[in-house]
């Protein structure tokens, strides 16, 4: 078939790659000048199968109330006169129970493991180099209470087959000796050696080039205006060249909506109402002045809910989420506070290791669902497919999401126990394997 993929982030480009693998003719449309220039541009760099815990849990409502007045809080809710924000918020609260949390974890881990396997095979086949570090992810805690909660979370992950280990402060320093200066304040940690890290932007741009080499067409600098529906199908997508303002209609047999947070407003006029709301995330990328003293293992600082990842001679500090609409600016007082907090926290953990006077700040919109589970599958419109809503886990779930959707479009059944949108419920994988 001829398939048009809307969006050239990690999810859209991965979808394009696997569609080519299935033998389809592929066109990718994106308003930016290259792939991965928005949400995939400067994320936390972690491929975190073991730390894909939903935001919604039994403790979340109380924490959100405490954080309302803190400009540097890990999750900041800014109420707006926006019915879609309130719809999302009410659905989020409905997921704040232990039963919902465990149900959602099962889905996220299943997709994460499938995606990690897909990524490993893809990298082996293409040889893409993206500052990949296969040293696991270390989650460290600064209070006994938080450490106890982290140990309980590790036990939950082990029930789902994830090797997430509980570490004493001494063992934390054995995994990452660069934390020695912060050692007296460590309460403990958890560690999953199978996780990894790498630069999502570099990977996505190189994968896009390989797609082009295999015959895919990329229309960069083309903004998606609307999808045209004729009868029960999409007949065309209307795009505009951002440089010349020339409008075009593109036609295909199937269309994939992979526009991150912008997927939901694009599809609403068609009666496809996805519960995706943008969560503004921040990052700071710093050049290292003492790389020999910098951390190598990718980490999560529990007290600040931030990720720290080594990218060659740089370090990426990323985190926090702000539910405040589609704003990506960095010049407001809240944005400046949150960016400064990332740099100051890194200096607190690793004094004198990075150049603090030359930070590269970024903000992007994470396309979040109340469950953190993305929409992958067929929409209510026969030839319109969905691959959006990955929240903070686009890098973790990107390869698997693209592979799974390409298989669904091709009439196949992905080998993962995941509730695909618009598809009948799958049997557990053991039952499926027994029937083959």
Protein backbone atom coordinates (compact mmCIF):
# COMPACT_ATOMS: atom_id res chain seq x y z
CA UNK A 1 0.00 0.00 0.00
CA UNK A 2 0.87 3.66 -0.18
CA UNK A 3 1.05 4.96 3.40
CA UNK A 4 1.48 8.55 4.62
CA UNK A 5 2.96 8.99 8.09
CA UNK A 6 2.24 12.33 9.75
CA UNK A 7 5.09 13.22 12.09
CA UNK A 8 8.86 12.60 11.95
CA UNK A 9 9.68 12.08 15.61
CA UNK A 10 11.03 8.80 16.98
CA UNK A 11 7.57 7.19 16.72
CA UNK A 12 6.78 8.37 13.19
CA UNK A 13 10.19 7.53 11.73
CA UNK A 14 10.20 4.11 13.41
CA UNK A 15 6.78 3.47 11.89
CA UNK A 16 8.10 4.49 8.47
CA UNK A 17 11.07 2.13 8.78
CA UNK A 18 8.96 -0.88 9.65
CA UNK A 19 6.39 -0.06 6.96
CA UNK A 20 9.25 -0.19 4.45
CA UNK A 21 10.25 -3.54 5.95
CA UNK A 22 6.71 -4.75 5.21
CA UNK A 23 7.01 -3.63 1.59
CA UNK A 24 4.85 -0.49 1.60
CA UNK A 25 5.46 2.80 -0.20
CA UNK A 26 5.99 5.47 2.47
CA UNK A 27 5.78 9.26 2.65
CA UNK A 28 6.52 11.11 5.91
CA UNK A 29 5.30 14.67 6.51
CA UNK A 30 6.68 17.02 9.15
CA UNK A 31 6.63 20.79 9.60
CA UNK A 32 10.24 20.93 10.80
CA UNK A 33 13.38 20.98 8.65
CA UNK A 34 14.57 17.57 9.84
CA UNK A 35 13.42 14.58 11.85
CA UNK A 36 13.22 14.66 15.66
CA UNK A 37 13.17 18.44 15.99
CA UNK A 38 10.39 18.67 18.59
CA UNK A 39 9.55 16.19 21.38
CA UNK A 40 12.36 13.78 20.37
CA UNK A 41 14.96 16.56 20.18
CA UNK A 42 16.48 16.72 23.68
CA UNK A 43 14.68 14.29 25.97
CA UNK A 44 16.14 12.45 28.94
CA UNK A 45 17.90 9.92 26.66
CA UNK A 46 16.77 6.91 28.70
CA UNK A 47 15.41 3.66 27.29
CA UNK A 48 13.77 2.71 30.54
CA UNK A 49 11.78 -0.52 30.39
CA UNK A 50 12.16 -0.97 34.14
CA UNK A 51 11.18 2.58 35.06
CA UNK A 52 8.08 2.96 32.90
CA UNK A 53 5.82 3.54 35.89
CA UNK A 54 2.59 5.50 35.26
CA UNK A 55 2.30 8.95 36.78
CA UNK A 56 -1.13 8.01 38.16
CA UNK A 57 -0.82 6.16 41.46
CA UNK A 58 -2.49 6.20 44.86
CA UNK A 59 -0.07 8.86 46.19
CA UNK A 60 -0.24 11.20 43.18
CA UNK A 61 -3.26 13.39 44.15
CA UNK A 62 -1.73 14.43 47.49
CA UNK A 63 1.65 15.10 45.89
CA UNK A 64 0.05 17.26 43.20
CA UNK A 65 -1.66 19.37 45.88
CA UNK A 66 1.66 19.90 47.67
CA UNK A 67 3.38 20.87 44.43
CA UNK A 68 0.77 23.39 43.21
CA UNK A 69 2.64 26.43 44.51
CA UNK A 70 6.18 25.29 43.64
CA UNK A 71 7.52 26.62 40.35
CA UNK A 72 10.20 23.89 40.34
CA UNK A 73 7.92 20.98 41.32
CA UNK A 74 8.32 17.68 39.43
CA UNK A 75 4.72 17.77 38.15
CA UNK A 76 3.04 21.16 37.94
CA UNK A 77 -0.66 21.53 37.14
CA UNK A 78 -1.68 24.94 35.79
CA UNK A 79 -5.52 25.01 35.61
CA UNK A 80 -6.85 26.57 32.40
CA UNK A 81 -10.25 27.21 30.85
CA UNK A 82 -9.63 24.20 28.65
CA UNK A 83 -12.21 21.38 28.63
CA UNK A 84 -9.62 18.96 27.25
CA UNK A 85 -7.31 19.63 30.20
CA UNK A 86 -10.11 18.94 32.67
CA UNK A 87 -11.22 15.84 30.79
CA UNK A 88 -7.65 14.56 30.99
CA UNK A 89 -7.31 15.48 34.67
CA UNK A 90 -10.51 13.69 35.73
CA UNK A 91 -9.46 10.58 33.83
CA UNK A 92 -6.02 10.80 35.47
CA UNK A 93 -7.59 10.86 38.93
CA UNK A 94 -9.64 7.77 38.03
CA UNK A 95 -6.35 5.91 37.50
CA UNK A 96 -4.92 6.83 40.90
CA UNK A 97 -5.46 3.46 42.57
CA UNK A 98 -3.21 0.48 43.24
CA UNK A 99 -5.26 -1.77 40.95
CA UNK A 100 -5.13 0.66 38.01
CA UNK A 101 -1.43 1.29 38.59
CA UNK A 102 -0.53 -2.40 38.40
CA UNK A 103 -2.77 -2.92 35.36
CA UNK A 104 -1.09 -0.03 33.55
CA UNK A 105 2.40 -1.15 34.55
CA UNK A 106 1.76 -4.54 32.96
CA UNK A 107 0.94 -2.90 29.63
CA UNK A 108 3.87 -0.49 29.73
CA UNK A 109 6.40 -3.19 30.61
CA UNK A 110 5.11 -5.53 27.91
CA UNK A 111 5.42 -2.83 25.26
CA UNK A 112 8.79 -1.73 26.66
CA UNK A 113 10.34 -5.18 26.47
CA UNK A 114 9.01 -5.72 22.96
CA UNK A 115 10.35 -2.31 21.93
CA UNK A 116 13.78 -2.88 23.44
CA UNK A 117 14.07 -6.17 21.54
CA UNK A 118 12.99 -4.37 18.36
CA UNK A 119 15.54 -1.58 18.89
CA UNK A 120 18.40 -4.00 19.47
CA UNK A 121 17.59 -5.82 16.22
CA UNK A 122 17.23 -2.54 14.33
CA UNK A 123 20.58 -1.22 15.57
CA UNK A 124 22.29 -4.51 14.73
CA UNK A 125 20.87 -4.31 11.19
CA UNK A 126 21.68 -0.64 10.56
CA UNK A 127 24.77 0.07 12.65
CA UNK A 128 23.38 3.43 13.81
CA UNK A 129 25.64 5.15 16.38
CA UNK A 130 23.85 7.43 18.84
CA UNK A 131 25.99 7.63 22.01
CA UNK A 132 24.47 4.37 23.20
CA UNK A 133 25.44 3.22 26.69
CA UNK A 134 24.29 -0.23 27.81
CA UNK A 135 25.06 0.14 31.50
CA UNK A 136 21.55 0.04 32.93
CA UNK A 137 19.62 2.74 34.80
CA UNK A 138 20.27 3.65 38.43
CA UNK A 139 17.48 5.19 40.52
CA UNK A 140 18.82 6.78 43.71
CA UNK A 141 16.97 8.09 46.77
CA UNK A 142 17.76 10.81 49.29
CA UNK A 143 15.28 9.83 52.04
CA UNK A 144 14.45 6.57 53.78
CA UNK A 145 10.73 7.01 53.10
CA UNK A 146 11.26 7.41 49.37
CA UNK A 147 13.73 4.52 49.35
CA UNK A 148 11.17 2.23 50.98
CA UNK A 149 8.62 3.21 48.33
CA UNK A 150 11.23 2.57 45.64
CA UNK A 151 11.97 -0.88 47.03
CA UNK A 152 8.25 -1.67 46.91
CA UNK A 153 8.16 -0.51 43.29
CA UNK A 154 11.10 -2.78 42.51
CA UNK A 155 9.17 -5.74 43.92
CA UNK A 156 6.21 -4.87 41.66
CA UNK A 157 8.50 -4.75 38.63
CA UNK A 158 10.03 -8.11 39.52
CA UNK A 159 6.53 -9.61 39.46
CA UNK A 160 6.40 -8.52 35.83
CA UNK A 161 9.73 -10.12 34.99
CA UNK A 162 11.94 -7.04 35.31
CA UNK A 163 15.31 -7.51 37.02
CA UNK A 164 15.13 -4.40 39.20
CA UNK A 165 17.54 -4.71 42.12
CA UNK A 166 17.42 -2.91 45.48
CA UNK A 167 20.77 -1.38 46.48
CA UNK A 168 22.29 -0.06 49.68
CA UNK A 169 24.09 3.33 49.57
CA UNK A 170 27.41 1.49 49.26
CA UNK A 171 26.10 -0.56 46.33
CA UNK A 172 24.79 2.59 44.64
CA UNK A 173 28.34 3.97 44.66
CA UNK A 174 29.68 0.69 43.31
CA UNK A 175 27.36 1.05 40.30
CA UNK A 176 28.23 4.74 39.80
CA UNK A 177 31.34 5.90 41.69
CA UNK A 178 30.92 9.46 40.35
CA UNK A 179 28.17 9.97 42.99
CA UNK A 180 30.80 9.84 45.76
CA UNK A 181 30.48 13.54 46.66
CA UNK A 182 26.76 13.00 47.26
CA UNK A 183 27.32 9.67 49.01
CA UNK A 184 26.54 10.80 52.60
CA UNK A 185 23.05 11.85 51.49
CA UNK A 186 22.16 8.59 49.75
CA UNK A 187 19.48 6.44 51.34
CA UNK A 188 19.75 3.69 48.73
CA UNK A 189 18.70 2.94 45.20
CA UNK A 190 17.33 0.52 42.67
CA UNK A 191 19.11 -0.63 39.54
CA UNK A 192 18.18 -2.44 36.35
CA UNK A 193 21.24 -3.53 34.35
CA UNK A 194 19.24 -4.31 31.18
CA UNK A 195 18.17 -0.69 30.58
CA UNK A 196 20.22 1.71 28.46
CA UNK A 197 20.53 5.27 27.19
CA UNK A 198 21.36 7.18 24.02
CA UNK A 199 20.56 10.26 21.95
CA UNK A 200 17.03 9.92 20.49
CA UNK A 201 17.51 12.82 18.07
CA UNK A 202 20.72 11.41 16.57
CA UNK A 203 19.15 7.96 16.27
CA UNK A 204 15.94 9.25 14.67
CA UNK A 205 17.70 11.46 12.14
CA UNK A 206 20.00 8.64 11.08
CA UNK A 207 17.06 6.23 10.81
CA UNK A 208 15.21 8.80 8.68
CA UNK A 209 18.18 8.93 6.30
CA UNK A 210 18.17 5.16 6.03
CA UNK A 211 14.45 5.29 5.23
CA UNK A 212 15.22 7.80 2.45
CA UNK A 213 17.97 5.53 1.16
CA UNK A 214 15.37 2.75 0.91
CA UNK A 215 12.97 4.89 -1.12
CA UNK A 216 10.83 6.68 1.45
CA UNK A 217 9.88 10.29 0.70
CA UNK A 218 10.19 12.86 3.49
CA UNK A 219 8.34 16.15 3.09
CA UNK A 220 10.08 18.32 5.65
CA UNK A 221 8.90 21.91 6.08
CA UNK A 222 5.29 20.89 5.43
CA UNK A 223 2.69 21.57 8.12
CA UNK A 224 -0.34 19.32 8.31
CA UNK A 225 -3.52 21.40 8.03
CA UNK A 226 -6.34 18.86 8.01
CA UNK A 227 -7.42 15.39 7.03
CA UNK A 228 -10.20 15.12 4.46
CA UNK A 229 -12.81 12.43 5.02
CA UNK A 230 -14.89 10.98 2.19
CA UNK A 231 -17.44 8.42 3.29
CA UNK A 232 -15.90 6.10 5.84
CA UNK A 233 -12.26 6.77 4.92
CA UNK A 234 -9.62 9.47 4.78
CA UNK A 235 -9.19 10.51 1.16
CA UNK A 236 -6.44 13.13 1.50
CA UNK A 237 -4.27 15.12 3.86
CA UNK A 238 -3.96 18.87 3.29
CA UNK A 239 -0.47 20.26 3.90
CA UNK A 240 1.19 23.63 3.42
CA UNK A 241 4.82 24.37 2.58
CA UNK A 242 5.99 26.53 5.51
CA UNK A 243 8.48 28.41 3.30
CA UNK A 244 6.30 29.21 0.27
CA UNK A 245 2.81 28.81 1.80
CA UNK A 246 1.92 26.61 -1.17
CA UNK A 247 -0.90 24.18 -0.32
CA UNK A 248 -1.01 20.57 -1.46
CA UNK A 249 -3.24 17.53 -1.19
CA UNK A 250 -1.58 14.17 -0.58
CA UNK A 251 -3.37 10.91 -1.28
CA UNK A 252 -2.68 7.41 0.02
CA UNK A 253 -4.28 4.09 0.90
CA UNK A 254 -3.61 4.52 4.62
CA UNK A 255 -2.65 7.37 6.95
CA UNK A 256 -0.77 7.23 10.27
CA UNK A 257 -1.22 10.00 12.85
CA UNK A 258 2.05 10.21 14.81
CA UNK A 259 2.16 13.92 15.64
CA UNK A 260 2.65 13.60 19.38
CA UNK A 261 0.60 16.13 21.36
CA UNK A 262 -0.76 17.63 18.14
CA UNK A 263 -2.43 14.38 17.13
CA UNK A 264 -5.49 15.00 19.33
CA UNK A 265 -6.49 18.46 17.97
CA UNK A 266 -5.87 17.32 14.38
CA UNK A 267 -8.30 14.41 14.70
CA UNK A 268 -11.10 16.05 16.72
CA UNK A 269 -12.89 17.49 13.65
CA UNK A 270 -13.17 13.90 12.40
CA UNK A 271 -14.89 12.74 15.60
CA UNK A 272 -11.77 10.91 16.83
CA UNK A 273 -11.35 12.20 20.40
CA UNK A 274 -8.08 10.96 21.87
CA UNK A 275 -7.41 11.74 25.53
CA UNK A 276 -3.91 13.13 24.92
CA UNK A 277 -2.75 16.30 26.65
CA UNK A 278 0.69 17.95 26.40
CA UNK A 279 3.01 17.84 29.40
CA UNK A 280 5.77 20.40 28.98
CA UNK A 281 9.11 18.85 29.84
CA UNK A 282 12.48 20.55 30.20
CA UNK A 283 16.10 19.61 29.71
CA UNK A 284 19.53 21.14 30.05
CA UNK A 285 22.50 19.85 28.06
CA UNK A 286 25.90 20.78 29.49
CA UNK A 287 29.41 20.36 28.17
CA UNK A 288 31.69 18.44 30.50
CA UNK A 289 34.87 20.11 31.76
CA UNK A 290 35.95 17.11 33.83
CA UNK A 291 34.62 14.08 31.90
CA UNK A 292 36.75 11.70 33.96
CA UNK A 293 34.66 12.65 37.03
CA UNK A 294 31.29 12.61 35.27
CA UNK A 295 28.79 9.80 35.61
CA UNK A 296 28.46 7.17 32.89
CA UNK A 297 25.49 5.14 34.10
CA UNK A 298 22.16 6.79 33.27
CA UNK A 299 20.35 7.82 36.46
CA UNK A 300 17.08 8.98 37.95
CA UNK A 301 17.25 11.39 40.88
CA UNK A 302 14.10 10.51 42.81
CA UNK A 303 13.97 13.65 44.95
CA UNK A 304 13.75 15.90 41.87
CA UNK A 305 12.26 13.36 39.42
CA UNK A 306 14.95 14.10 36.85
CA UNK A 307 16.97 11.92 34.51
CA UNK A 308 20.72 12.32 34.05
CA UNK A 309 22.37 10.73 31.00
CA UNK A 310 25.87 10.89 29.54
CA UNK A 311 26.03 11.73 25.82
CA UNK A 312 29.67 11.63 24.79
CA UNK A 313 31.39 14.79 26.06
CA UNK A 314 28.05 16.21 27.25
CA UNK A 315 25.49 15.43 29.93
CA UNK A 316 21.72 15.71 29.61
CA UNK A 317 19.60 16.60 32.66
CA UNK A 318 15.89 16.32 31.95
CA UNK A 319 12.63 16.12 33.77
CA UNK A 320 9.66 17.83 35.36
CA UNK A 321 6.27 18.12 33.69
CA UNK A 322 4.00 21.12 33.39
CA UNK A 323 0.36 20.71 32.37
CA UNK A 324 -0.21 24.15 30.91
CA UNK A 325 -1.29 23.75 27.30
CA UNK A 326 0.81 23.95 24.14
CA UNK A 327 3.39 26.50 25.26
CA UNK A 328 7.06 25.56 24.67
CA UNK A 329 8.62 28.93 25.55
CA UNK A 330 11.70 29.19 27.73
CA UNK A 331 11.53 32.90 28.58
CA UNK A 332 8.78 32.94 31.24
CA UNK A 333 9.54 33.05 34.97
CA UNK A 334 8.38 29.46 35.58
CA UNK A 335 10.44 28.16 32.67
CA UNK A 336 13.54 30.02 33.84
CA UNK A 337 13.11 28.64 37.36
CA UNK A 338 12.72 25.07 36.13
CA UNK A 339 15.71 25.29 33.78
CA UNK A 340 17.92 26.80 36.47
CA UNK A 341 16.86 24.05 38.89
CA UNK A 342 18.15 21.38 36.51
CA UNK A 343 21.60 22.97 36.30
CA UNK A 344 21.89 23.70 40.01
CA UNK A 345 20.88 20.14 40.92
CA UNK A 346 23.55 18.70 38.65
CA UNK A 347 26.16 20.94 40.25
CA UNK A 348 24.98 19.80 43.68
CA UNK A 349 25.41 16.17 42.69
CA UNK A 350 28.62 16.56 40.66
CA UNK A 351 30.40 19.75 41.73
CA UNK A 352 32.77 21.25 39.17
CA UNK A 353 32.17 18.54 36.54
CA UNK A 354 30.21 20.52 33.89
CA UNK A 355 30.32 24.00 32.37
CA UNK A 356 27.31 25.65 34.02
CA UNK A 357 27.76 28.92 32.13
CA UNK A 358 27.02 27.37 28.71
CA UNK A 359 23.75 25.44 29.13
CA UNK A 360 21.59 24.45 26.19
CA UNK A 361 18.01 24.53 27.40
CA UNK A 362 15.04 22.88 25.69
CA UNK A 363 11.34 22.41 26.30
CA UNK A 364 9.10 19.92 24.54
CA UNK A 365 5.53 18.70 24.77
CA UNK A 366 5.20 15.12 25.92
CA UNK A 367 1.96 13.65 24.51
CA UNK A 368 0.52 12.20 27.70
CA UNK A 369 -2.49 9.97 28.33
CA UNK A 370 -4.03 9.56 31.81
CA UNK A 371 -2.74 5.98 31.96
CA UNK A 372 0.59 6.70 30.21
CA UNK A 373 -0.42 3.99 27.73
CA UNK A 374 -0.22 5.18 24.10
CA UNK A 375 -2.82 4.80 21.36
CA UNK A 376 -1.44 2.26 18.89
CA UNK A 377 -3.81 0.79 16.32
CA UNK A 378 -6.73 1.58 14.05
CA UNK A 379 -9.01 4.56 14.68
CA UNK A 380 -12.77 4.51 14.14
CA UNK A 381 -11.99 5.54 10.53
CA UNK A 382 -10.97 2.48 8.54
CA UNK A 383 -7.74 3.72 6.93
CA UNK A 384 -6.61 6.08 9.72
CA UNK A 385 -4.12 4.56 12.12
CA UNK A 386 -2.85 5.91 15.44
CA UNK A 387 0.61 5.94 16.99
CA UNK A 388 0.57 8.68 19.62
CA UNK A 389 0.31 9.40 23.34
CA UNK A 390 3.65 7.98 24.49
CA UNK A 391 4.26 10.66 27.12
CA UNK A 392 7.78 10.44 28.55
CA UNK A 393 8.32 7.00 27.00
CA UNK A 394 8.51 7.80 23.30
CA UNK A 395 12.20 6.82 23.15
CA UNK A 396 11.59 3.70 25.23
CA UNK A 397 8.56 2.57 23.19
CA UNK A 398 9.34 4.10 19.79
CA UNK A 399 10.84 1.14 17.92
CA UNK A 400 8.28 -1.35 19.21
CA UNK A 401 5.37 0.98 18.55
CA UNK A 402 6.50 1.51 14.96
CA UNK A 403 7.05 -2.19 14.39
CA UNK A 404 3.71 -3.18 15.92
CA UNK A 405 1.71 -0.63 13.96
CA UNK A 406 3.38 -1.58 10.68
CA UNK A 407 2.42 -5.20 11.33
CA UNK A 408 -1.17 -4.25 12.17
CA UNK A 409 -1.46 -2.19 8.98
CA UNK A 410 -0.13 -5.22 7.08
CA UNK A 411 -2.81 -7.46 8.56
CA UNK A 412 -0.48 -9.21 11.00
CA UNK A 413 -0.63 -9.69 14.76
CA UNK A 414 2.31 -8.30 16.76
CA UNK A 415 3.92 -10.78 19.15
CA UNK A 416 3.27 -8.76 22.29
CA UNK A 417 0.51 -8.93 24.91
CA UNK A 418 -0.70 -5.35 24.53
CA UNK A 419 -4.15 -3.82 24.12
CA UNK A 420 -3.91 -2.28 20.66
CA UNK A 421 -6.47 0.39 19.89
CA UNK A 422 -9.34 -0.77 17.71
CA UNK A 423 -8.19 -4.40 17.84
CA UNK A 424 -9.76 -7.40 19.62
CA UNK A 425 -8.15 -8.26 22.95
CA UNK A 426 -5.14 -10.50 22.58
CA UNK A 427 -4.66 -13.73 24.45
CA UNK A 428 -1.67 -13.92 26.82
CA UNK A 429 1.54 -14.69 24.94
CA UNK A 430 1.96 -18.15 26.47
CA UNK A 431 -1.53 -19.11 25.31
CA UNK A 432 -0.83 -17.59 21.88
CA UNK A 433 2.44 -19.52 21.53
CA UNK A 434 0.72 -22.79 22.48
CA UNK A 435 -1.79 -22.32 19.67
CA UNK A 436 0.77 -21.69 16.93
